[in-house]
Amino acid sequence: MHRDDMILISVDDHIIEPPDMFVNHLSEKYRKDAPQLVHQDDGTDVWKFRETVIPNAALNAVAGRPKEEYGMEPQGLDEIRPGCYDVHERVKDMNAGGMLASMNFSSFPGFSARLFATEDSDFSLALVRAYNDWHIDEWCGAYPGRFIPMALPAIWDAELCAEEVRRVAKKGCHSLSFTENPAALGYPSFHDEYWNPLWKAVCDTDTVVSIHIGSSGRLTVPAVDSPPDVMITLQPMNIVSAAADLLWSRVIKEYPDIKIALSEGGTGWIPYFLERVDRTFEMHATWTLQDFGGKLPSEVFREHFLTCFISDPLGVKLRHEIGIDNICWEADYPHSDSMWPGAPEELGAVLEREQVPDDEINKMTHENAMRWYSFEPFKHIPKDQATVGALRKAAAGHDVSVRSRSHRVIDPSEKLEGYRQRARRAVAAAK
């Protein structure tokens, strides 16, 4: 398959939320107490909610920036591509990158919206619903067929969370962003019956529980003085832990229709993981009393878990060991791992090198995403206009050049100190 003939749907991208997101969806009663985007004297923009300040870290929005400007220091909206926070510019960037559709995780509220969990449950629920309505109605609704809707959870209350899942499902949303480890956030673990209403709701509505790396609020940082490269290298490890915790849990056995996505976790580790769980089952099931109804854990994994990759040549090579129906592609726009706007070229080179046949390319690039997330873009966009080549033709003249957008000169030591501050918080949280 020529790269221009591919159809690309990304199951992991990100939004940098715009300052007016609550205006149309939060009642006057709560609007003045809602999070606010505040412009700082140093030119940066931060979200403030009560005593919490959330900066927009540079690594979260570096699409179109030179690598020399990557780092952990905060930045302003005027220093990042408008496509990070403006849906109209986002679609132009998607076209230029040859990407038909995208599923967008949140930024400042966190992937599990723990920021919105206040002592006032009504206020908290109003914030979650306002965010979800903005995301579904305004962001996704602006361009039907271009975005897979995703909802934030009412993480503090399983019953309310289940209600919200059912509410947004009626609006066509079948993806729920959720934490990789609720126990790390102070909530009951995956093994607790507390979450039963949520598991039932996601099964009843055919909603995927989309678990993003880092959603537990903890980083895998061995020591405060570990280099930043250690944290970046180990980022997928949290998702491996979540996969094991859920695979061996009663949730999989008691809710046979549950679907779980391991978002931004890569795929190259999965064949060994599946070998390990099968070996564990063979050697220890007699005393741990695990029972998968005559199936191996690896078989059960393929029934319930979706994985995704950016380029991941090893994962593509081992795709049949993973499960060709369990793999989706992701772009990770506008994060630092993203290949935008050259994803078709880089992905195409990997697929060509591994001699992946067309039917398998189609599954990994868009068909699996459509099936898992109940997403039907071709109701809105003719298939011949959804290819990499057609979308790029529609984006002719759109600026995708790599150029500096920073108004401030950031010393490398400042970048390193920003990482160390984050590492100190991560190590403290782990204790």
Protein backbone atom coordinates (compact mmCIF):
# COMPACT_ATOMS: atom_id res chain seq x y z
CA MET A 1 0.00 0.00 0.00
CA HIS A 2 1.33 3.41 -0.94
CA ARG A 3 1.42 5.81 1.99
CA ASP A 4 -0.94 8.23 0.20
CA ASP A 5 -3.58 5.49 0.11
CA MET A 6 -3.54 4.82 3.85
CA ILE A 7 -6.41 5.97 6.07
CA LEU A 8 -5.14 7.06 9.46
CA ILE A 9 -7.18 7.25 12.66
CA SER A 10 -5.23 8.11 15.80
CA VAL A 11 -6.51 6.76 19.12
CA ASP A 12 -4.19 8.96 21.19
CA ASP A 13 -3.82 12.70 20.74
CA HIS A 14 -4.21 15.60 23.16
CA ILE A 15 -6.01 18.90 23.64
CA ILE A 16 -4.56 22.02 25.19
CA GLU A 17 -7.84 23.42 26.48
CA PRO A 18 -8.86 26.92 25.31
CA PRO A 19 -9.68 29.61 27.89
CA ASP A 20 -13.39 29.84 27.00
CA MET A 21 -14.22 26.14 27.28
CA PHE A 22 -16.60 26.50 30.27
CA VAL A 23 -18.52 29.51 28.95
CA ASN A 24 -21.33 27.67 27.16
CA HIS A 25 -21.63 24.61 29.38
CA LEU A 26 -21.37 25.68 33.02
CA SER A 27 -24.24 27.41 34.82
CA GLU A 28 -23.83 30.95 36.11
CA LYS A 29 -23.95 29.51 39.63
CA TYR A 30 -20.58 27.82 39.16
CA ARG A 31 -18.88 29.85 36.45
CA LYS A 32 -16.95 32.24 38.68
CA ASP A 33 -15.54 29.33 40.69
CA ALA A 34 -14.48 27.30 37.65
CA PRO A 35 -10.84 26.87 36.59
CA GLN A 36 -9.44 29.95 34.87
CA LEU A 37 -6.61 30.35 32.37
CA VAL A 38 -4.39 33.13 33.73
CA HIS A 39 -1.69 34.95 31.78
CA GLN A 40 1.42 35.44 33.89
CA ASP A 41 3.84 38.36 33.89
CA ASP A 42 6.55 36.10 32.47
CA GLY A 43 4.45 35.41 29.37
CA THR A 44 3.29 31.94 30.38
CA ASP A 45 -0.33 30.80 30.72
CA VAL A 46 -1.43 28.63 33.63
CA TRP A 47 -4.74 27.14 34.71
CA LYS A 48 -5.72 28.08 38.25
CA PHE A 49 -8.35 26.26 40.26
CA ARG A 50 -8.58 27.20 43.89
CA GLU A 51 -5.09 26.62 45.31
CA THR A 52 -3.90 24.51 42.39
CA VAL A 53 -1.84 25.94 39.54
CA ILE A 54 -1.33 23.82 36.41
CA PRO A 55 1.24 25.14 33.93
CA ASN A 56 1.25 24.11 30.30
CA ALA A 57 4.52 22.14 30.21
CA ALA A 58 6.43 22.54 26.97
CA LEU A 59 6.61 18.80 26.23
CA ASN A 60 2.81 18.77 26.08
CA ALA A 61 2.69 21.00 23.00
CA VAL A 62 5.80 20.94 20.85
CA ALA A 63 4.31 20.10 17.46
CA GLY A 64 6.13 22.15 14.86
CA ARG A 65 8.87 23.24 17.28
CA PRO A 66 12.61 22.49 17.00
CA LYS A 67 13.83 19.86 19.44
CA GLU A 68 16.10 22.42 21.05
CA GLU A 69 12.97 24.01 22.54
CA TYR A 70 11.69 20.83 24.17
CA GLY A 71 11.60 20.86 27.97
CA MET A 72 9.48 20.91 31.12
CA GLU A 73 9.25 24.68 31.60
CA PRO A 74 5.81 26.32 31.25
CA GLN A 75 4.80 28.23 28.14
CA GLY A 76 2.07 30.52 26.85
CA LEU A 77 -0.63 29.78 24.30
CA ASP A 78 1.03 32.23 21.92
CA GLU A 79 4.13 30.01 21.93
CA ILE A 80 2.41 26.87 20.65
CA ARG A 81 0.68 25.92 17.42
CA PRO A 82 -2.94 27.13 17.34
CA GLY A 83 -3.91 23.58 16.39
CA CYS A 84 -3.20 22.56 19.98
CA TYR A 85 -6.21 24.50 21.28
CA ASP A 86 -8.23 25.69 18.26
CA VAL A 87 -10.34 22.97 16.64
CA HIS A 88 -10.38 24.64 13.22
CA GLU A 89 -6.59 24.85 13.16
CA ARG A 90 -6.39 21.30 14.54
CA VAL A 91 -8.31 19.95 11.56
CA LYS A 92 -5.98 21.81 9.21
CA ASP A 93 -3.01 20.23 10.99
CA MET A 94 -4.69 16.83 10.77
CA ASN A 95 -5.22 17.28 7.04
CA ALA A 96 -1.62 18.34 6.55
CA GLY A 97 -0.47 15.29 8.50
CA GLY A 98 -2.72 12.99 6.47
CA MET A 99 -4.83 12.03 9.49
CA LEU A 100 -8.54 11.40 9.05
CA ALA A 101 -9.62 11.27 12.70
CA SER A 102 -8.32 11.63 16.23
CA MET A 103 -9.24 10.82 19.82
CA ASN A 104 -8.11 13.59 22.16
CA PHE A 105 -7.17 13.17 25.82
CA SER A 106 -7.45 16.10 28.20
CA SER A 107 -4.54 18.11 29.59
CA PHE A 108 -5.03 20.42 32.56
CA PRO A 109 -7.74 18.41 34.44
CA GLY A 110 -5.59 15.27 34.24
CA PHE A 111 -6.62 12.08 32.44
CA SER A 112 -8.94 11.07 35.31
CA ALA A 113 -10.22 14.58 36.13
CA ARG A 114 -9.10 14.29 39.74
CA LEU A 115 -8.66 18.07 39.70
CA PHE A 116 -12.45 18.42 39.60
CA ALA A 117 -13.01 16.22 42.67
CA THR A 118 -13.90 18.81 45.33
CA GLU A 119 -15.74 18.61 48.65
CA ASP A 120 -18.90 19.69 46.77
CA SER A 121 -20.03 16.74 44.64
CA ASP A 122 -22.61 18.81 42.75
CA PHE A 123 -19.97 21.35 41.75
CA SER A 124 -17.55 18.60 40.79
CA LEU A 125 -20.13 16.86 38.64
CA ALA A 126 -21.03 20.16 36.98
CA LEU A 127 -17.37 20.64 36.01
CA VAL A 128 -17.07 17.13 34.58
CA ARG A 129 -20.29 17.47 32.62
CA ALA A 130 -19.33 20.91 31.35
CA TYR A 131 -15.97 19.59 30.14
CA ASN A 132 -17.57 16.57 28.47
CA ASP A 133 -20.26 18.64 26.80
CA TRP A 134 -17.69 21.12 25.52
CA HIS A 135 -15.54 18.29 24.21
CA ILE A 136 -18.36 16.34 22.57
CA ASP A 137 -20.58 19.19 21.34
CA GLU A 138 -18.05 21.89 20.45
CA TRP A 139 -14.70 20.22 19.81
CA CYS A 140 -15.89 16.96 18.21
CA GLY A 141 -19.17 18.39 17.00
CA ALA A 142 -17.48 21.09 14.94
CA TYR A 143 -16.24 18.48 12.45
CA PRO A 144 -18.34 15.28 12.40
CA GLY A 145 -16.33 12.25 11.43
CA ARG A 146 -13.00 13.81 12.41
CA PHE A 147 -12.93 13.10 16.16
CA ILE A 148 -13.65 10.09 18.36
CA PRO A 149 -15.45 11.59 21.39
CA MET A 150 -13.98 10.91 24.83
CA ALA A 151 -15.44 11.63 28.28
CA LEU A 152 -13.81 12.44 31.59
CA PRO A 153 -14.97 10.39 34.60
CA ALA A 154 -16.60 11.48 37.84
CA ILE A 155 -13.69 9.70 39.48
CA TRP A 156 -14.74 10.41 43.07
CA ASP A 157 -18.06 8.51 42.88
CA ALA A 158 -18.56 5.24 40.98
CA GLU A 159 -22.34 5.67 40.78
CA LEU A 160 -22.07 9.20 39.37
CA CYS A 161 -19.34 8.00 37.02
CA ALA A 162 -21.66 5.28 35.72
CA GLU A 163 -24.44 7.82 35.22
CA GLU A 164 -22.09 10.08 33.24
CA VAL A 165 -21.02 7.17 31.04
CA ARG A 166 -24.66 6.47 30.22
CA ARG A 167 -25.38 10.16 29.63
CA VAL A 168 -22.55 10.75 27.17
CA ALA A 169 -23.18 7.44 25.40
CA LYS A 170 -26.54 8.87 24.34
CA LYS A 171 -24.54 11.69 22.71
CA GLY A 172 -22.44 9.16 20.76
CA CYS A 173 -19.44 9.00 23.08
CA HIS A 174 -18.03 5.51 23.66
CA SER A 175 -14.66 6.23 25.25
CA LEU A 176 -13.97 6.99 28.91
CA SER A 177 -10.61 8.35 30.03
CA PHE A 178 -9.65 6.58 33.24
CA THR A 179 -6.74 6.11 35.61
CA GLU A 180 -4.20 3.30 35.33
CA ASN A 181 -4.30 2.87 39.12
CA PRO A 182 -7.18 4.29 41.18
CA ALA A 183 -5.52 3.13 44.40
CA ALA A 184 -2.61 5.50 43.74
CA LEU A 185 -5.12 8.37 43.72
CA GLY A 186 -6.64 7.33 47.05
CA TYR A 187 -9.66 5.51 45.62
CA PRO A 188 -10.53 1.79 45.84
CA SER A 189 -8.43 -0.46 43.62
CA PHE A 190 -9.59 -2.20 40.47
CA HIS A 191 -10.29 -5.28 42.62
CA ASP A 192 -12.84 -3.56 44.85
CA GLU A 193 -16.56 -4.02 44.20
CA TYR A 194 -16.90 -0.25 44.60
CA TRP A 195 -16.41 0.14 40.85
CA ASN A 196 -19.09 -2.39 39.83
CA PRO A 197 -21.62 0.27 38.71
CA LEU A 198 -19.00 1.71 36.39
CA TRP A 199 -18.03 -1.65 34.88
CA LYS A 200 -21.70 -2.42 34.24
CA ALA A 201 -22.25 0.98 32.62
CA VAL A 202 -19.32 0.70 30.22
CA CYS A 203 -20.42 -2.80 29.21
CA ASP A 204 -24.04 -1.75 28.72
CA THR A 205 -23.03 1.20 26.52
CA ASP A 206 -20.14 -0.49 24.64
CA THR A 207 -17.74 2.09 26.05
CA VAL A 208 -13.98 1.56 26.04
CA VAL A 209 -12.12 2.30 29.28
CA SER A 210 -9.17 4.22 27.84
CA ILE A 211 -6.26 4.11 30.29
CA HIS A 212 -3.49 6.56 29.47
CA ILE A 213 0.06 6.29 30.78
CA GLY A 214 0.69 8.70 33.63
CA SER A 215 -2.98 8.81 34.61
CA SER A 216 -2.25 7.63 38.14
CA GLY A 217 -0.41 10.87 38.83
CA ARG A 218 2.82 9.00 39.43
CA LEU A 219 5.91 8.86 37.30
CA THR A 220 8.32 5.96 37.25
CA VAL A 221 11.33 7.86 38.60
CA PRO A 222 13.86 5.75 40.57
CA ALA A 223 15.47 8.77 42.24
CA VAL A 224 15.20 12.55 42.31
CA ASP A 225 18.59 12.86 40.63
CA SER A 226 17.81 10.35 37.87
CA PRO A 227 18.32 11.98 34.45
CA PRO A 228 15.13 13.00 32.59
CA ASP A 229 15.87 10.26 30.05
CA VAL A 230 15.10 7.67 32.74
CA MET A 231 11.58 9.01 33.26
CA ILE A 232 10.92 9.20 29.52
CA THR A 233 12.24 5.67 28.95
CA LEU A 234 10.12 4.21 31.75
CA GLN A 235 6.86 6.02 31.00
CA PRO A 236 5.15 2.92 29.52
CA MET A 237 5.89 0.84 32.63
CA ASN A 238 2.82 2.12 34.47
CA ILE A 239 0.60 0.81 31.68
CA VAL A 240 2.26 -2.62 31.95
CA SER A 241 1.31 -2.66 35.65
CA ALA A 242 -2.26 -1.67 34.82
CA ALA A 243 -2.51 -4.42 32.20
CA ALA A 244 -1.40 -7.06 34.71
CA ASP A 245 -3.61 -5.72 37.49
CA LEU A 246 -6.71 -5.76 35.30
CA LEU A 247 -5.99 -9.03 33.47
CA TRP A 248 -5.73 -10.97 36.75
CA SER A 249 -8.65 -9.10 38.35
CA ARG A 250 -12.19 -10.35 38.88
CA VAL A 251 -13.36 -7.50 36.56
CA ILE A 252 -12.39 -9.45 33.45
CA LYS A 253 -14.20 -12.55 34.67
CA GLU A 254 -17.36 -10.90 35.95
CA TYR A 255 -17.78 -8.42 33.08
CA PRO A 256 -17.06 -10.41 29.91
CA ASP A 257 -17.97 -7.50 27.61
CA ILE A 258 -15.53 -5.00 29.12
CA LYS A 259 -13.08 -3.32 26.72
CA ILE A 260 -9.86 -1.66 27.92
CA ALA A 261 -7.44 0.42 25.88
CA LEU A 262 -3.80 0.78 26.95
CA SER A 263 -3.24 4.26 25.58
CA GLU A 264 0.22 5.48 24.59
CA GLY A 265 1.78 2.34 26.04
CA GLY A 266 3.42 1.01 22.88
CA THR A 267 3.28 -2.61 21.76
CA GLY A 268 6.79 -4.09 21.65
CA TRP A 269 6.56 -5.32 25.27
CA ILE A 270 3.34 -7.24 24.80
CA PRO A 271 4.63 -10.57 23.39
CA TYR A 272 6.87 -11.09 26.41
CA PHE A 273 4.06 -9.95 28.73
CA LEU A 274 1.73 -12.56 27.22
CA GLU A 275 4.37 -15.26 27.54
CA ARG A 276 4.87 -14.28 31.17
CA VAL A 277 1.17 -14.32 32.11
CA ASP A 278 0.70 -17.72 30.49
CA ARG A 279 3.73 -19.08 32.34
CA THR A 280 2.45 -17.60 35.60
CA PHE A 281 -0.91 -19.25 35.04
CA GLU A 282 0.68 -22.61 34.23
CA MET A 283 2.94 -22.61 37.28
CA HIS A 284 0.76 -20.96 39.94
CA ALA A 285 -2.97 -21.19 39.13
CA THR A 286 -3.36 -24.22 41.40
CA TRP A 287 -2.69 -22.13 44.49
CA THR A 288 -3.68 -18.61 43.33
CA LEU A 289 -7.02 -20.13 42.17
CA GLN A 290 -7.08 -18.23 38.88
CA ASP A 291 -9.64 -19.60 36.43
CA PHE A 292 -10.26 -18.23 32.94
CA GLY A 293 -12.82 -20.83 31.95
CA GLY A 294 -10.44 -23.05 30.04
CA LYS A 295 -8.65 -20.19 28.27
CA LEU A 296 -5.10 -18.95 28.63
CA PRO A 297 -4.53 -15.43 30.02
CA SER A 298 -3.05 -14.42 26.66
CA GLU A 299 -6.31 -15.39 24.94
CA VAL A 300 -8.31 -13.40 27.45
CA PHE A 301 -6.01 -10.41 26.96
CA ARG A 302 -6.79 -10.39 23.24
CA GLU A 303 -10.52 -10.44 23.99
CA HIS A 304 -10.45 -7.37 26.19
CA PHE A 305 -7.38 -5.17 25.60
CA LEU A 306 -6.60 -2.71 22.81
CA THR A 307 -3.03 -1.53 22.33
CA CYS A 308 -1.56 1.28 20.27
CA PHE A 309 1.73 2.34 18.72
CA ILE A 310 3.32 5.39 17.08
CA SER A 311 5.92 3.73 14.87
CA ASP A 312 7.18 0.85 17.04
CA PRO A 313 9.03 -1.26 14.44
CA LEU A 314 9.41 -4.17 16.87
CA GLY A 315 5.70 -4.18 17.67
CA VAL A 316 4.84 -4.18 13.97
CA LYS A 317 7.24 -7.08 13.42
CA LEU A 318 5.57 -9.02 16.25
CA ARG A 319 2.01 -7.96 15.40
CA HIS A 320 0.72 -11.53 15.16
CA GLU A 321 2.14 -12.36 18.58
CA ILE A 322 0.20 -9.38 19.93
CA GLY A 323 -3.01 -9.92 17.97
CA ILE A 324 -3.65 -8.09 14.72
CA ASP A 325 -7.18 -7.18 15.85
CA ASN A 326 -5.86 -5.57 19.04
CA ILE A 327 -3.54 -2.94 17.57
CA CYS A 328 -4.31 0.67 16.68
CA TRP A 329 -2.14 3.51 15.47
CA GLU A 330 -1.64 6.78 17.35
CA ALA A 331 -0.14 10.15 16.42
CA ASP A 332 0.30 11.67 19.94
CA TYR A 333 -0.15 15.19 18.55
CA PRO A 334 1.04 17.67 19.88
CA HIS A 335 3.32 15.83 22.36
CA SER A 336 7.03 15.32 21.94
CA ASP A 337 6.74 11.70 20.76
CA SER A 338 4.56 12.73 17.83
CA MET A 339 5.70 12.21 14.24
CA TRP A 340 3.49 15.04 12.97
CA PRO A 341 3.42 16.07 10.16
CA GLY A 342 5.57 13.23 8.80
CA ALA A 343 3.68 10.30 10.31
CA PRO A 344 2.66 8.76 6.97
CA GLU A 345 6.29 8.69 5.84
CA GLU A 346 7.67 7.20 9.06
CA LEU A 347 4.81 4.76 9.54
CA GLY A 348 4.84 3.84 5.87
CA ALA A 349 8.55 3.02 6.02
CA VAL A 350 7.99 0.66 8.96
CA LEU A 351 5.06 -1.08 7.28
CA GLU A 352 6.98 -1.44 4.02
CA ARG A 353 10.09 -2.80 5.74
CA GLU A 354 8.01 -5.47 7.52
CA GLN A 355 6.05 -6.19 4.31
CA VAL A 356 2.71 -5.78 6.06
CA PRO A 357 -0.17 -6.74 3.72
CA ASP A 358 -2.91 -4.24 2.92
CA ASP A 359 -5.63 -5.92 4.99
CA GLU A 360 -3.45 -5.78 8.11
CA ILE A 361 -2.45 -2.17 7.43
CA ASN A 362 -6.13 -1.25 7.24
CA LYS A 363 -6.86 -2.94 10.55
CA MET A 364 -4.05 -1.17 12.40
CA THR A 365 -4.47 2.24 10.82
CA HIS A 366 -8.25 2.65 11.05
CA GLU A 367 -10.53 -0.41 11.03
CA ASN A 368 -9.71 -1.58 14.56
CA ALA A 369 -10.23 1.93 15.92
CA MET A 370 -13.61 2.20 14.22
CA ARG A 371 -14.73 -1.18 15.57
CA TRP A 372 -13.49 -0.78 19.13
CA TYR A 373 -14.78 2.79 19.57
CA SER A 374 -18.07 2.43 17.62
CA PHE A 375 -16.87 5.19 15.31
CA GLU A 376 -18.22 5.64 11.77
CA PRO A 377 -16.39 8.47 9.99
CA PHE A 378 -17.46 7.41 6.49
CA LYS A 379 -21.01 8.49 7.26
CA HIS A 380 -19.63 12.02 7.04
CA ILE A 381 -16.58 11.78 4.81
CA PRO A 382 -16.40 9.73 1.60
CA LYS A 383 -13.71 7.10 1.80
CA ASP A 384 -11.88 8.42 -1.25
CA GLN A 385 -11.53 11.79 0.52
CA ALA A 386 -10.25 10.21 3.76
CA THR A 387 -6.86 9.00 2.54
CA VAL A 388 -3.51 10.55 3.38
CA GLY A 389 -3.14 11.85 -0.16
CA ALA A 390 -6.63 13.36 -0.35
CA LEU A 391 -6.37 15.07 3.02
CA ARG A 392 -2.96 16.53 2.25
CA LYS A 393 -4.27 17.83 -1.05
CA ALA A 394 -7.05 19.59 0.87
CA ALA A 395 -4.40 21.14 3.15
CA ALA A 396 -2.27 22.56 0.35
CA GLY A 397 -0.56 25.76 1.51
CA HIS A 398 -1.01 25.09 5.24
CA ASP A 399 2.22 25.94 7.09
CA VAL A 400 3.80 22.88 8.69
CA SER A 401 7.36 24.16 8.84
CA VAL A 402 9.43 23.56 11.95
CA ARG A 403 10.17 26.93 13.50
CA SER A 404 10.84 28.53 16.83
CA ARG A 405 7.78 29.83 18.61
CA SER A 406 9.35 30.71 21.96
CA HIS A 407 9.54 34.36 22.97
CA ARG A 408 11.92 33.52 25.81
CA VAL A 409 15.41 32.09 25.81
CA ILE A 410 15.31 29.05 28.10
CA ASP A 411 18.63 28.00 29.57
CA PRO A 412 19.16 24.20 29.46
CA SER A 413 19.72 24.22 33.22
CA GLU A 414 16.22 25.68 33.64
CA LYS A 415 14.79 22.81 31.62
CA LEU A 416 16.62 20.32 33.82
CA GLU A 417 15.47 22.02 37.00
CA GLY A 418 11.87 21.83 35.80
CA TYR A 419 12.27 18.08 35.39
CA ARG A 420 13.87 17.73 38.84
CA GLN A 421 10.98 19.56 40.48
CA ARG A 422 8.56 17.16 38.84
CA ALA A 423 10.70 14.20 39.84
CA ARG A 424 10.73 15.34 43.47
CA ARG A 425 6.93 15.48 43.44
CA ALA A 426 6.74 12.02 41.85
CA VAL A 427 9.12 10.46 44.38
CA ALA A 428 7.23 12.12 47.26
CA ALA A 429 3.92 10.80 45.94
CA ALA A 430 5.32 7.29 45.68
CA LYS A 431 6.28 7.38 49.35
